[in-house]
C-alpha atoms as a PDB file:
ATOM      1  CA  MET A   1      -0.235  -0.084  -0.051  1.00  0.00           C
ATOM      2  CA  ASN A   2       1.111   3.407  -0.688  1.00  0.00           C
ATOM      3  CA  ALA A   3       1.269   6.108   2.189  1.00  0.00           C
ATOM      4  CA  SER A   4      -1.540   7.573   1.866  1.00  0.00           C
ATOM      5  CA  THR A   5      -3.408   4.593   2.480  1.00  0.00           C
ATOM      6  CA  ALA A   6      -1.162   3.477   5.611  1.00  0.00           C
ATOM      7  CA  LEU A   7      -1.736   7.189   7.193  1.00  0.00           C
ATOM      8  CA  GLY A   8      -5.883   6.697   6.788  1.00  0.00           C
ATOM      9  CA  LEU A   9      -5.504   3.458   8.353  1.00  0.00           C
ATOM     10  CA  ARG A  10      -3.406   4.712  11.452  1.00  0.00           C
ATOM     11  CA  MET A  11      -5.508   7.342  11.848  1.00  0.00           C
ATOM     12  CA  THR A  12      -8.686   4.943  12.272  1.00  0.00           C
ATOM     13  CA  SER A  13      -6.057   3.010  15.015  1.00  0.00           C
ATOM     14  CA  LEU A  14      -4.975   6.010  16.438  1.00  0.00           C
ATOM     15  CA  LEU A  15      -9.234   6.396  16.937  1.00  0.00           C
ATOM     16  CA  LEU A  16      -9.111   9.795  15.274  1.00  0.00           C
ATOM     17  CA  ARG A  17     -12.037   9.000  13.202  1.00  0.00           C
ATOM     18  CA  GLY A  18     -14.955   8.860  15.105  1.00  0.00           C
ATOM     19  CA  ASN A  19     -14.836   5.537  15.992  1.00  0.00           C
ATOM     20  CA  ALA A  20     -13.418   5.445  19.606  1.00  0.00           C
ATOM     21  CA  PRO A  21     -15.462   3.257  22.278  1.00  0.00           C
ATOM     22  CA  GLY A  22     -17.553   5.915  24.376  1.00  0.00           C
ATOM     23  CA  ASP A  23     -15.895   6.009  27.344  1.00  0.00           C
ATOM     24  CA  VAL A  24     -12.624   6.721  28.799  1.00  0.00           C
ATOM     25  CA  THR A  25     -11.729   2.778  30.525  1.00  0.00           C
ATOM     26  CA  GLY A  26     -12.381   1.862  26.357  1.00  0.00           C
ATOM     27  CA  ILE A  27      -9.957   4.128  25.331  1.00  0.00           C
ATOM     28  CA  VAL A  28      -7.367   3.415  27.294  1.00  0.00           C
ATOM     29  CA  GLU A  29      -8.089  -0.600  27.420  1.00  0.00           C
ATOM     30  CA  TRP A  30      -7.737  -0.172  23.451  1.00  0.00           C
ATOM     31  CA  PHE A  31      -4.124   1.511  23.291  1.00  0.00           C
ATOM     32  CA  GLY A  32      -2.679  -0.244  26.216  1.00  0.00           C
ATOM     33  CA  ALA A  33      -0.729   2.547  27.198  1.00  0.00           C
ATOM     34  CA  MET A  34      -1.439   6.413  26.469  1.00  0.00           C
ATOM     35  CA  GLN A  35       1.273   9.117  26.223  1.00  0.00           C
ATOM     36  CA  ALA A  36       0.324  11.103  29.983  1.00  0.00           C
ATOM     37  CA  GLN A  37       3.439  12.803  31.000  1.00  0.00           C
ATOM     38  CA  ASP A  38       1.735  16.240  31.173  1.00  0.00           C
ATOM     39  CA  VAL A  39      -1.517  16.083  32.473  1.00  0.00           C
ATOM     40  CA  ASN A  40      -3.045  19.241  30.159  1.00  0.00           C
ATOM     41  CA  SER A  41      -2.502  17.131  26.737  1.00  0.00           C
ATOM     42  CA  ALA A  42      -3.590  13.745  29.015  1.00  0.00           C
ATOM     43  CA  LEU A  43      -6.695  15.162  29.748  1.00  0.00           C
ATOM     44  CA  TRP A  44      -7.293  16.545  25.791  1.00  0.00           C
ATOM     45  CA  SER A  45      -5.870  12.978  24.641  1.00  0.00           C
ATOM     46  CA  LEU A  46      -9.210  11.937  25.268  1.00  0.00           C
ATOM     47  CA  GLY A  47     -11.574  14.317  25.731  1.00  0.00           C
ATOM     48  CA  CYS A  48     -10.532  14.463  22.253  1.00  0.00           C
ATOM     49  CA  ARG A  49     -11.599  11.234  20.799  1.00  0.00           C
ATOM     50  CA  LEU A  50     -14.743  11.812  23.003  1.00  0.00           C
ATOM     51  CA  PRO A  51     -16.926  13.746  20.814  1.00  0.00           C
ATOM     52  CA  GLY A  52     -19.086  16.529  23.261  1.00  0.00           C
ATOM     53  CA  TRP A  53     -17.464  15.171  26.013  1.00  0.00           C
ATOM     54  CA  SER A  54     -16.586  18.473  28.800  1.00  0.00           C
ATOM     55  CA  LEU A  55     -13.125  18.300  31.039  1.00  0.00           C
ATOM     56  CA  GLU A  56     -15.954  17.770  34.160  1.00  0.00           C
ATOM     57  CA  GLN A  57     -16.362  15.003  32.592  1.00  0.00           C
ATOM     58  CA  VAL A  58     -13.621  13.191  31.849  1.00  0.00           C
ATOM     59  CA  ASN A  59     -12.240  14.344  35.545  1.00  0.00           C
ATOM     60  CA  ALA A  60     -14.833  13.094  36.951  1.00  0.00           C
ATOM     61  CA  ALA A  61     -14.811   9.297  34.247  1.00  0.00           C
ATOM     62  CA  ILE A  62     -11.177   8.192  36.217  1.00  0.00           C
ATOM     63  CA  GLU A  63     -12.383   8.896  39.607  1.00  0.00           C
ATOM     64  CA  ASP A  64     -13.974   5.919  39.339  1.00  0.00           C
ATOM     65  CA  LYS A  65     -10.475   4.058  39.573  1.00  0.00           C
ATOM     66  CA  SER A  66     -10.591   1.728  36.163  1.00  0.00           C
ATOM     67  CA  VAL A  67      -7.414   3.845  34.534  1.00  0.00           C
ATOM     68  CA  LEU A  68      -4.085   5.565  36.385  1.00  0.00           C
ATOM     69  CA  ARG A  69      -0.900   7.224  35.316  1.00  0.00           C
ATOM     70  CA  THR A  70       2.204   5.591  36.171  1.00  0.00           C
ATOM     71  CA  TRP A  71       5.476   5.154  34.650  1.00  0.00           C
ATOM     72  CA  PRO A  72       4.789   2.067  32.620  1.00  0.00           C
ATOM     73  CA  MET A  73       7.741   1.944  30.164  1.00  0.00           C
ATOM     74  CA  ARG A  74      10.690   4.318  29.291  1.00  0.00           C
ATOM     75  CA  GLY A  75      10.642   6.146  32.453  1.00  0.00           C
ATOM     76  CA  THR A  76       7.469   8.145  30.973  1.00  0.00           C
ATOM     77  CA  VAL A  77       4.361   8.984  32.510  1.00  0.00           C
ATOM     78  CA  HIS A  78       1.192   7.316  30.962  1.00  0.00           C
ATOM     79  CA  TRP A  79      -2.907   6.242  30.829  1.00  0.00           C
ATOM     80  CA  VAL A  80      -3.026   2.834  31.477  1.00  0.00           C
ATOM     81  CA  PRO A  81      -6.105   0.578  31.963  1.00  0.00           C
ATOM     82  CA  ALA A  82      -5.407   0.319  36.109  1.00  0.00           C
ATOM     83  CA  ALA A  83      -6.177  -3.793  36.734  1.00  0.00           C
ATOM     84  CA  ASP A  84      -2.547  -3.868  34.035  1.00  0.00           C
ATOM     85  CA  ALA A  85      -0.599  -1.582  35.690  1.00  0.00           C
ATOM     86  CA  HIS A  86       0.988  -4.122  37.652  1.00  0.00           C
ATOM     87  CA  TRP A  87       2.242  -6.710  35.355  1.00  0.00           C
ATOM     88  CA  MET A  88       2.989  -3.453  32.809  1.00  0.00           C
ATOM     89  CA  LEU A  89       5.381  -2.241  35.292  1.00  0.00           C
ATOM     90  CA  ASP A  90       6.612  -5.923  35.632  1.00  0.00           C
ATOM     91  CA  LEU A  91       7.448  -6.498  32.014  1.00  0.00           C
ATOM     92  CA  MET A  92       8.319  -2.724  30.823  1.00  0.00           C
ATOM     93  CA  GLY A  93       8.526  -0.336  34.042  1.00  0.00           C
ATOM     94  CA  VAL A  94      11.175  -2.687  35.147  1.00  0.00           C
ATOM     95  CA  ARG A  95      14.196  -2.100  32.713  1.00  0.00           C
ATOM     96  CA  ALA A  96      13.583   1.710  33.621  1.00  0.00           C
ATOM     97  CA  LEU A  97      15.267   0.458  36.570  1.00  0.00           C
ATOM     98  CA  SER A  98      18.607  -0.756  35.765  1.00  0.00           C
ATOM     99  CA  GLY A  99      19.720   3.495  35.730  1.00  0.00           C
ATOM    100  CA  ALA A 100      18.081   3.944  38.955  1.00  0.00           C
ATOM    101  CA  ALA A 101      21.709   3.505  40.804  1.00  0.00           C
ATOM    102  CA  LYS A 102      23.385   5.569  38.511  1.00  0.00           C
ATOM    103  CA  ARG A 103      21.138   8.398  38.675  1.00  0.00           C
ATOM    104  CA  ARG A 104      21.209   8.394  42.172  1.00  0.00           C
ATOM    105  CA  GLU A 105      24.388   8.485  42.700  1.00  0.00           C
ATOM    106  CA  VAL A 106      24.621  11.668  40.837  1.00  0.00           C
ATOM    107  CA  LEU A 107      22.269  12.835  43.469  1.00  0.00           C
ATOM    108  CA  GLY A 108      23.411  11.950  46.340  1.00  0.00           C
ATOM    109  CA  LEU A 109      21.493   9.565  47.222  1.00  0.00           C
ATOM    110  CA  ASP A 110      22.068   5.890  48.923  1.00  0.00           C
ATOM    111  CA  GLU A 111      20.274   2.472  48.538  1.00  0.00           C
ATOM    112  CA  ALA A 112      19.397   2.638  51.988  1.00  0.00           C
ATOM    113  CA  THR A 113      17.657   6.333  51.675  1.00  0.00           C
ATOM    114  CA  VAL A 114      15.553   5.033  48.768  1.00  0.00           C
ATOM    115  CA  ASP A 115      14.375   2.251  50.206  1.00  0.00           C
ATOM    116  CA  ARG A 116      13.337   4.369  53.582  1.00  0.00           C
ATOM    117  CA  ALA A 117      11.705   6.791  51.893  1.00  0.00           C
ATOM    118  CA  VAL A 118       9.249   4.270  49.852  1.00  0.00           C
ATOM    119  CA  GLU A 119       8.273   3.094  53.142  1.00  0.00           C
ATOM    120  CA  ILE A 120       7.474   6.692  54.756  1.00  0.00           C
ATOM    121  CA  LEU A 121       5.313   7.216  51.867  1.00  0.00           C
ATOM    122  CA  SER A 122       3.419   3.345  52.202  1.00  0.00           C
ATOM    123  CA  ALA A 123       3.431   4.390  55.791  1.00  0.00           C
ATOM    124  CA  ALA A 124       1.390   7.739  54.840  1.00  0.00           C
ATOM    125  CA  LEU A 125      -0.743   6.278  52.173  1.00  0.00           C
ATOM    126  CA  ARG A 126      -1.422   2.844  53.751  1.00  0.00           C
ATOM    127  CA  GLY A 127      -5.564   2.572  54.909  1.00  0.00           C
ATOM    128  CA  GLY A 128      -6.686   4.250  51.608  1.00  0.00           C
ATOM    129  CA  GLY A 129      -4.669   7.356  51.915  1.00  0.00           C
ATOM    130  CA  ARG A 130      -4.404  10.380  48.770  1.00  0.00           C
ATOM    131  CA  LEU A 131      -1.276  12.427  49.366  1.00  0.00           C
ATOM    132  CA  THR A 132      -0.708  15.540  46.533  1.00  0.00           C
ATOM    133  CA  ARG A 133       2.828  15.951  45.641  1.00  0.00           C
ATOM    134  CA  ALA A 134       3.790  18.450  48.304  1.00  0.00           C
ATOM    135  CA  GLU A 135       2.142  16.144  51.052  1.00  0.00           C
ATOM    136  CA  CYS A 136       4.536  12.906  49.970  1.00  0.00           C
ATOM    137  CA  MET A 137       7.313  15.847  50.104  1.00  0.00           C
ATOM    138  CA  ALA A 138       6.689  16.788  53.422  1.00  0.00           C
ATOM    139  CA  ALA A 139       5.938  13.205  54.793  1.00  0.00           C
ATOM    140  CA  MET A 140       9.209  12.415  53.444  1.00  0.00           C
ATOM    141  CA  THR A 141      11.155  15.532  54.710  1.00  0.00           C
ATOM    142  CA  GLY A 142       9.199  14.136  58.577  1.00  0.00           C
ATOM    143  CA  GLY A 143      10.840  11.122  57.836  1.00  0.00           C
ATOM    144  CA  GLY A 144      14.172  12.628  57.614  1.00  0.00           C
ATOM    145  CA  VAL A 145      14.639  11.847  54.191  1.00  0.00           C
ATOM    146  CA  GLU A 146      16.510  14.773  52.132  1.00  0.00           C
ATOM    147  CA  ILE A 147      14.021  15.864  49.271  1.00  0.00           C
ATOM    148  CA  ALA A 148      15.984  19.234  47.608  1.00  0.00           C
ATOM    149  CA  GLY A 149      16.873  19.134  43.808  1.00  0.00           C
ATOM    150  CA  GLN A 150      15.489  16.698  41.856  1.00  0.00           C
ATOM    151  CA  ARG A 151      16.152  14.171  44.535  1.00  0.00           C
ATOM    152  CA  GLY A 152      12.101  14.354  46.044  1.00  0.00           C
ATOM    153  CA  TYR A 153      10.748  13.357  42.254  1.00  0.00           C
ATOM    154  CA  HIS A 154      13.306  10.851  41.557  1.00  0.00           C
ATOM    155  CA  LEU A 155      11.771   9.275  44.924  1.00  0.00           C
ATOM    156  CA  LEU A 156       8.746  10.395  43.771  1.00  0.00           C
ATOM    157  CA  TRP A 157       9.343   8.068  40.369  1.00  0.00           C
ATOM    158  CA  TYR A 158      11.264   5.384  42.243  1.00  0.00           C
ATOM    159  CA  ALA A 159       8.384   4.717  44.218  1.00  0.00           C
ATOM    160  CA  SER A 160       5.427   4.152  41.519  1.00  0.00           C
ATOM    161  CA  GLN A 161       8.324   2.485  39.411  1.00  0.00           C
ATOM    162  CA  ARG A 162       8.830  -0.466  42.040  1.00  0.00           C
ATOM    163  CA  GLY A 163       5.119  -0.345  41.701  1.00  0.00           C
ATOM    164  CA  VAL A 164       4.534   0.941  45.516  1.00  0.00           C
ATOM    165  CA  THR A 165       2.587   4.459  44.354  1.00  0.00           C
ATOM    166  CA  ALA A 166       0.647   5.158  41.940  1.00  0.00           C
ATOM    167  CA  ILE A 167      -0.531   8.784  40.385  1.00  0.00           C
ATOM    168  CA  ALA A 168      -3.951   9.219  41.242  1.00  0.00           C
ATOM    169  CA  PRO A 169      -6.153  12.141  39.800  1.00  0.00           C
ATOM    170  CA  HIS A 170      -5.268  15.953  40.224  1.00  0.00           C
ATOM    171  CA  VAL A 171      -7.521  17.116  43.638  1.00  0.00           C
ATOM    172  CA  GLY A 172      -7.462  20.261  41.600  1.00  0.00           C
ATOM    173  CA  LYS A 173      -4.080  21.857  40.161  1.00  0.00           C
ATOM    174  CA  GLU A 174      -2.612  19.601  42.106  1.00  0.00           C
ATOM    175  CA  GLN A 175      -1.190  15.794  42.027  1.00  0.00           C
ATOM    176  CA  THR A 176      -2.014  12.654  43.759  1.00  0.00           C
ATOM    177  CA  PHE A 177      -0.679   9.577  44.872  1.00  0.00           C
ATOM    178  CA  VAL A 178      -2.138   6.518  46.197  1.00  0.00           C
ATOM    179  CA  LEU A 179      -1.027   2.728  46.931  1.00  0.00           C
ATOM    180  CA  LEU A 180      -1.045   1.200  43.797  1.00  0.00           C
ATOM    181  CA  ASP A 181      -1.992  -2.419  45.588  1.00  0.00           C
ATOM    182  CA  GLU A 182      -5.034  -0.621  47.552  1.00  0.00           C
ATOM    183  CA  TRP A 183      -5.918   1.118  44.782  1.00  0.00           C
ATOM    184  CA  VAL A 184      -6.015  -1.832  41.857  1.00  0.00           C
ATOM    185  CA  PRO A 185      -6.702  -4.634  45.008  1.00  0.00           C
ATOM    186  CA  GLU A 186      -7.538  -7.257  41.656  1.00  0.00           C
ATOM    187  CA  PRO A 187      -5.059  -6.886  39.203  1.00  0.00           C
ATOM    188  CA  ARG A 188      -4.564  -9.238  35.830  1.00  0.00           C
ATOM    189  CA  ARG A 189      -1.571 -11.163  36.844  1.00  0.00           C
ATOM    190  CA  PRO A 190      -0.874 -13.036  32.872  1.00  0.00           C
ATOM    191  CA  SER A 191       1.982 -14.682  32.199  1.00  0.00           C
ATOM    192  CA  ARG A 192       5.360 -13.007  30.821  1.00  0.00           C
ATOM    193  CA  GLU A 193       4.261 -14.657  27.228  1.00  0.00           C
ATOM    194  CA  GLU A 194       0.699 -13.229  27.741  1.00  0.00           C
ATOM    195  CA  ALA A 195       1.850  -9.539  28.740  1.00  0.00           C
ATOM    196  CA  LEU A 196       3.930  -9.922  25.641  1.00  0.00           C
ATOM    197  CA  GLY A 197       1.529 -10.755  23.097  1.00  0.00           C
ATOM    198  CA  LEU A 198      -1.062  -8.219  25.031  1.00  0.00           C
ATOM    199  CA  ILE A 199       1.170  -5.258  24.623  1.00  0.00           C
ATOM    200  CA  ALA A 200       2.095  -5.734  21.201  1.00  0.00           C
ATOM    201  CA  LEU A 201      -1.583  -6.678  19.754  1.00  0.00           C
ATOM    202  CA  ARG A 202      -2.355  -3.427  21.297  1.00  0.00           C
ATOM    203  CA  TYR A 203       0.470  -1.397  20.396  1.00  0.00           C
ATOM    204  CA  PHE A 204      -0.415  -2.492  16.576  1.00  0.00           C
ATOM    205  CA  ARG A 205      -4.030  -2.146  16.778  1.00  0.00           C
ATOM    206  CA  SER A 206      -3.751   0.954  18.065  1.00  0.00           C
ATOM    207  CA  HIS A 207      -0.871   2.461  16.115  1.00  0.00           C
ATOM    208  CA  GLY A 208      -0.760   0.335  12.881  1.00  0.00           C
ATOM    209  CA  PRO A 209       0.132   0.195  10.377  1.00  0.00           C
ATOM    210  CA  ALA A 210       3.879   0.760  12.183  1.00  0.00           C
ATOM    211  CA  PRO A 211       6.855  -0.807  11.763  1.00  0.00           C
ATOM    212  CA  ARG A 212       8.578  -3.510  14.460  1.00  0.00           C
ATOM    213  CA  LYS A 213      11.287  -0.967  15.582  1.00  0.00           C
ATOM    214  CA  ASP A 214       8.974   1.564  16.641  1.00  0.00           C
ATOM    215  CA  PHE A 215       7.010  -1.005  18.893  1.00  0.00           C
ATOM    216  CA  VAL A 216      10.955  -1.905  19.982  1.00  0.00           C
ATOM    217  CA  GLY A 217      10.964   1.824  20.835  1.00  0.00           C
ATOM    218  CA  TRP A 218       7.577   2.474  22.253  1.00  0.00           C
ATOM    219  CA  THR A 219       7.708  -0.356  25.082  1.00  0.00           C
ATOM    220  CA  GLY A 220      11.665  -0.129  25.504  1.00  0.00           C
ATOM    221  CA  LEU A 221      11.453  -4.016  25.633  1.00  0.00           C
ATOM    222  CA  THR A 222      14.030  -6.177  23.566  1.00  0.00           C
ATOM    223  CA  THR A 223      13.964  -6.630  20.217  1.00  0.00           C
ATOM    224  CA  THR A 224      13.797 -10.276  21.254  1.00  0.00           C
ATOM    225  CA  ASP A 225      10.716  -9.688  23.456  1.00  0.00           C
ATOM    226  CA  CYS A 226       9.392  -7.725  20.787  1.00  0.00           C
ATOM    227  CA  ARG A 227       9.670 -10.406  18.219  1.00  0.00           C
ATOM    228  CA  THR A 228       8.438 -13.144  20.855  1.00  0.00           C
ATOM    229  CA  GLY A 229       5.440 -10.500  21.561  1.00  0.00           C
ATOM    230  CA  ILE A 230       4.200 -10.366  17.534  1.00  0.00           C
ATOM    231  CA  ALA A 231       4.430 -14.374  17.632  1.00  0.00           C
ATOM    232  CA  VAL A 232       2.377 -14.918  20.378  1.00  0.00           C
ATOM    233  CA  ALA A 233      -0.585 -12.256  18.841  1.00  0.00           C
ATOM    234  CA  GLY A 234      -0.290 -14.740  15.618  1.00  0.00           C
ATOM    235  CA  ASP A 235      -3.353 -14.058  13.077  1.00  0.00           C
ATOM    236  CA  GLN A 236      -4.673 -11.197  14.821  1.00  0.00           C
ATOM    237  CA  LEU A 237      -1.811  -8.913  13.692  1.00  0.00           C
ATOM    238  CA  THR A 238      -1.008  -9.119   9.724  1.00  0.00           C
ATOM    239  CA  THR A 239       2.290  -7.528   7.693  1.00  0.00           C
ATOM    240  CA  VAL A 240       1.940  -5.014   4.617  1.00  0.00           C
ATOM    241  CA  GLU A 241       3.784  -3.230   3.021  1.00  0.00           C
ATOM    242  CA  VAL A 242       4.160   0.484   2.777  1.00  0.00           C
ATOM    243  CA  ASP A 243       6.130   1.784   0.090  1.00  0.00           C
ATOM    244  CA  GLY A 244       8.487  -0.771   0.332  1.00  0.00           C
ATOM    245  CA  VAL A 245       8.619  -0.890   4.109  1.00  0.00           C
ATOM    246  CA  GLU A 246       7.335  -3.545   6.336  1.00  0.00           C
ATOM    247  CA  MET A 247       4.599  -2.449   8.847  1.00  0.00           C
ATOM    248  CA  ILE A 248       2.442  -4.513  11.481  1.00  0.00           C
ATOM    249  CA  MET A 249      -1.418  -3.744  11.808  1.00  0.00           C
ATOM    250  CA  ALA A 250      -4.328  -5.214  13.351  1.00  0.00           C
ATOM    251  CA  ALA A 251      -5.535  -8.114  10.726  1.00  0.00           C
ATOM    252  CA  ASP A 252      -9.490  -6.766  10.958  1.00  0.00           C
ATOM    253  CA  ALA A 253      -8.714  -2.752  10.613  1.00  0.00           C
ATOM    254  CA  PRO A 254     -11.160  -1.332   9.168  1.00  0.00           C
ATOM    255  CA  ASP A 255      -9.593   2.134   6.806  1.00  0.00           C
ATOM    256  CA  LEU A 256     -11.914   5.056   7.622  1.00  0.00           C
ATOM    257  CA  GLY A 257      -9.588   7.460   5.616  1.00  0.00           C
ATOM    258  CA  ALA A 258      -7.576   9.921   7.104  1.00  0.00           C
ATOM    259  CA  GLY A 259     -10.360  12.135   7.571  1.00  0.00           C
ATOM    260  CA  GLU A 260     -10.437  16.231   8.009  1.00  0.00           C
ATOM    261  CA  TRP A 261      -8.745  18.850  11.027  1.00  0.00           C
ATOM    262  CA  LEU A 262      -8.594  17.775  14.288  1.00  0.00           C
ATOM    263  CA  ALA A 263      -6.951  19.787  17.077  1.00  0.00           C
ATOM    264  CA  LEU A 264      -4.289  17.263  18.933  1.00  0.00           C
ATOM    265  CA  PRO A 265      -2.796  17.619  21.831  1.00  0.00           C
ATOM    266  CA  GLY A 266       1.814  17.707  21.629  1.00  0.00           C
ATOM    267  CA  PHE A 267       1.753  14.340  23.872  1.00  0.00           C
ATOM    268  CA  ASP A 268      -0.564  12.656  21.917  1.00  0.00           C
ATOM    269  CA  GLU A 269       0.122   8.997  21.146  1.00  0.00           C
ATOM    270  CA  TYR A 270      -0.329  10.183  17.382  1.00  0.00           C
ATOM    271  CA  MET A 271       2.981  11.743  17.684  1.00  0.00           C
ATOM    272  CA  LEU A 272       4.970   9.807  20.410  1.00  0.00           C
ATOM    273  CA  GLY A 273       3.782   6.563  19.770  1.00  0.00           C
ATOM    274  CA  TYR A 274       6.771   6.501  16.634  1.00  0.00           C
ATOM    275  CA  LYS A 275       9.981   6.815  16.190  1.00  0.00           C
ATOM    276  CA  ASP A 276       9.719   7.292  12.263  1.00  0.00           C
ATOM    277  CA  ARG A 277       6.606   9.995  12.364  1.00  0.00           C
ATOM    278  CA  SER A 278       7.763  10.488   8.565  1.00  0.00           C
ATOM    279  CA  LEU A 279       3.700   9.689   7.536  1.00  0.00           C
ATOM    280  CA  MET A 280       2.598  12.922   9.521  1.00  0.00           C
ATOM    281  CA  THR A 281       5.188  15.144   9.109  1.00  0.00           C
ATOM    282  CA  ASP A 282       8.185  16.759   7.042  1.00  0.00           C
ATOM    283  CA  ASP A 283       8.786  19.238   9.422  1.00  0.00           C
ATOM    284  CA  PHE A 284       9.573  17.608  12.856  1.00  0.00           C
ATOM    285  CA  GLU A 285      11.877  19.855  13.918  1.00  0.00           C
ATOM    286  CA  ALA A 286       8.887  22.744  14.032  1.00  0.00           C
ATOM    287  CA  VAL A 287       6.952  20.074  16.190  1.00  0.00           C
ATOM    288  CA  VAL A 288       9.508  20.078  18.675  1.00  0.00           C
ATOM    289  CA  PRO A 289      11.629  23.166  18.679  1.00  0.00           C
ATOM    290  CA  GLY A 290      15.325  22.347  19.041  1.00  0.00           C
ATOM    291  CA  GLY A 291      14.597  18.914  20.290  1.00  0.00           C
ATOM    292  CA  ASN A 292      14.129  19.779  23.346  1.00  0.00           C
ATOM    293  CA  GLY A 293      11.460  17.103  24.350  1.00  0.00           C
ATOM    294  CA  VAL A 294       8.483  19.812  24.689  1.00  0.00           C
ATOM    295  CA  PHE A 295       5.880  18.564  21.872  1.00  0.00           C
ATOM    296  CA  ARG A 296       4.162  21.381  20.793  1.00  0.00           C
ATOM    297  CA  SER A 297       0.028  20.602  19.954  1.00  0.00           C
ATOM    298  CA  THR A 298      -0.642  19.978  16.863  1.00  0.00           C
ATOM    299  CA  LEU A 299      -3.193  20.832  13.799  1.00  0.00           C
ATOM    300  CA  VAL A 300      -3.807  17.900  11.279  1.00  0.00           C
ATOM    301  CA  GLN A 301      -5.799  17.929   8.137  1.00  0.00           C
ATOM    302  CA  ALA A 302      -6.144  14.219   6.225  1.00  0.00           C
ATOM    303  CA  GLY A 303      -3.400  12.946   9.196  1.00  0.00           C
ATOM    304  CA  ARG A 304      -0.775  15.522   8.394  1.00  0.00           C
ATOM    305  CA  VAL A 305       0.285  18.317  10.278  1.00  0.00           C
ATOM    306  CA  ARG A 306      -0.472  21.785   8.791  1.00  0.00           C
ATOM    307  CA  ALA A 307       0.022  23.703  12.157  1.00  0.00           C
ATOM    308  CA  THR A 308       1.063  23.981  15.843  1.00  0.00           C
ATOM    309  CA  TRP A 309      -0.962  26.031  18.178  1.00  0.00           C
ATOM    310  CA  THR A 310      -0.649  27.411  21.902  1.00  0.00           C
ATOM    311  CA  ARG A 311      -3.652  28.362  24.225  1.00  0.00           C
ATOM    312  CA  THR A 312      -4.183  31.021  26.461  1.00  0.00           C
ATOM    313  CA  LEU A 313      -6.382  30.832  28.960  1.00  0.00           C
ATOM    314  CA  THR A 314      -8.965  33.205  31.237  1.00  0.00           C
ATOM    315  CA  ARG A 315     -11.868  33.042  33.238  1.00  0.00           C
ATOM    316  CA  LYS A 316     -14.294  33.628  29.913  1.00  0.00           C
ATOM    317  CA  GLY A 317     -12.238  32.098  27.543  1.00  0.00           C
ATOM    318  CA  VAL A 318      -9.743  30.007  25.549  1.00  0.00           C
ATOM    319  CA  THR A 319      -7.236  32.284  22.882  1.00  0.00           C
ATOM    320  CA  VAL A 320      -5.368  30.292  20.767  1.00  0.00           C
ATOM    321  CA  THR A 321      -2.451  31.237  18.513  1.00  0.00           C
ATOM    322  CA  VAL A 322      -2.284  28.935  14.958  1.00  0.00           C
ATOM    323  CA  GLU A 323       1.174  29.299  13.645  1.00  0.00           C
ATOM    324  CA  PRO A 324       1.033  27.536  10.191  1.00  0.00           C
ATOM    325  CA  LEU A 325       3.644  25.432   8.929  1.00  0.00           C
ATOM    326  CA  THR A 326       2.130  25.080   5.477  1.00  0.00           C
ATOM    327  CA  LYS A 327       0.923  27.297   2.962  1.00  0.00           C
ATOM    328  CA  PHE A 328      -2.781  28.591   4.733  1.00  0.00           C
ATOM    329  CA  THR A 329      -5.442  29.416   2.601  1.00  0.00           C
ATOM    330  CA  ALA A 330      -8.690  31.578   3.925  1.00  0.00           C
ATOM    331  CA  ALA A 331     -10.548  28.316   3.732  1.00  0.00           C
ATOM    332  CA  ASP A 332      -7.756  26.856   5.822  1.00  0.00           C
ATOM    333  CA  ARG A 333      -7.716  29.115   8.341  1.00  0.00           C
ATOM    334  CA  ARG A 334     -11.684  28.789   8.713  1.00  0.00           C
ATOM    335  CA  ALA A 335     -11.334  25.058   8.777  1.00  0.00           C
ATOM    336  CA  ALA A 336      -8.488  24.990  11.154  1.00  0.00           C
ATOM    337  CA  ALA A 337     -10.558  27.680  13.219  1.00  0.00           C
ATOM    338  CA  GLU A 338     -13.721  25.512  13.190  1.00  0.00           C
ATOM    339  CA  ALA A 339     -11.346  22.088  14.265  1.00  0.00           C
ATOM    340  CA  LEU A 340     -10.151  24.460  17.783  1.00  0.00           C
ATOM    341  CA  GLU A 341     -14.547  24.471  18.112  1.00  0.00           C
ATOM    342  CA  PRO A 342     -14.479  21.050  20.292  1.00  0.00           C
ATOM    343  CA  TYR A 343     -10.876  21.912  22.522  1.00  0.00           C
ATOM    344  CA  ALA A 344     -12.882  25.301  23.674  1.00  0.00           C
ATOM    345  CA  ALA A 345     -16.544  23.563  23.953  1.00  0.00           C
ATOM    346  CA  TYR A 346     -14.442  20.685  25.771  1.00  0.00           C
ATOM    347  CA  LEU A 347     -12.938  23.735  28.294  1.00  0.00           C
ATOM    348  CA  GLY A 348     -16.485  25.018  28.427  1.00  0.00           C
ATOM    349  CA  LEU A 349     -14.942  28.546  27.240  1.00  0.00           C
ATOM    350  CA  THR A 350     -15.547  31.194  24.587  1.00  0.00           C
ATOM    351  CA  LEU A 351     -13.127  30.406  21.371  1.00  0.00           C
ATOM    352  CA  THR A 352     -10.670  33.712  20.269  1.00  0.00           C
ATOM    353  CA  VAL A 353      -8.649  31.942  17.568  1.00  0.00           C
ATOM    354  CA  LYS A 354      -4.955  34.236  16.210  1.00  0.00           C
ATOM    355  CA  ASN A 355      -2.942  33.553  13.316  1.00  0.00           C
ATOM    356  CA  PRO A 356       0.271  34.979  12.529  1.00  0.00           C
END
């Protein structure tokens, strides 16, 4: 198949063709894991796949404990189905711990101090506790653990990476933490081989067609483990050739086309789910200026990035500044503004669009 056909299939896989399940749980289950290190982007990643939903509705939905945020792979925060958090951490998250000792050395933390911090957090959260990030920091300080600089963040990360804690929904604007075992008392426990097959199926059904190397990069697993996962998924996946490049996708994936204009968050699987973004843009540098790891929000037409956008919020409205990356006609500007309307509605605010 050609790149255009592949892009249409990919947009369908990414649930960006109006084909998403009608709830937060179904969307996160479909992906297996969704990029979520920036909470505002993470919430809009769900909202843009739930037409008509408001931010308040999305926030209410994640309170039911069916999904949570943690560091399941690559040391990066993702939405995951709550019942799958344990095995994902065991399968992929544990790989990030291999570099923890070196990081502790840089931060001046020894193993005894790290273990002490985890014990303090466990005790503070035990019994259904839910503490803000600031309260977790205070608990560690009160227990005699120094949290200056990046130490506090590393300790919070380490406790979650170990599967002791997890990130619960925000309270107001504050991040909160809970004990994973209490938040998810009945986790799924597939065998390692089953888990590899599950993550392979979920990746390719939600991102395909995609090359094997992108699956390796997304999971952080070894090439051997990824090969095993694909084999376990078996005939649920199929191999296709896209302009001479071998890719994998779900065997039963429908083709709903690439679609029209969409306003997507920067930290979305649309962009972060791949190593090779050439199907979506020829100007990746403009999406991540300076290669600093901060992905800008994008305006996408027929699966291709046409512009980036930034927002400014006030009590009464949201002002969005559009920065075209390709030549814009008057019709393009109108279409881009219309594509931003669902975002303003999701926020419950009046939209003002500025074009340079």
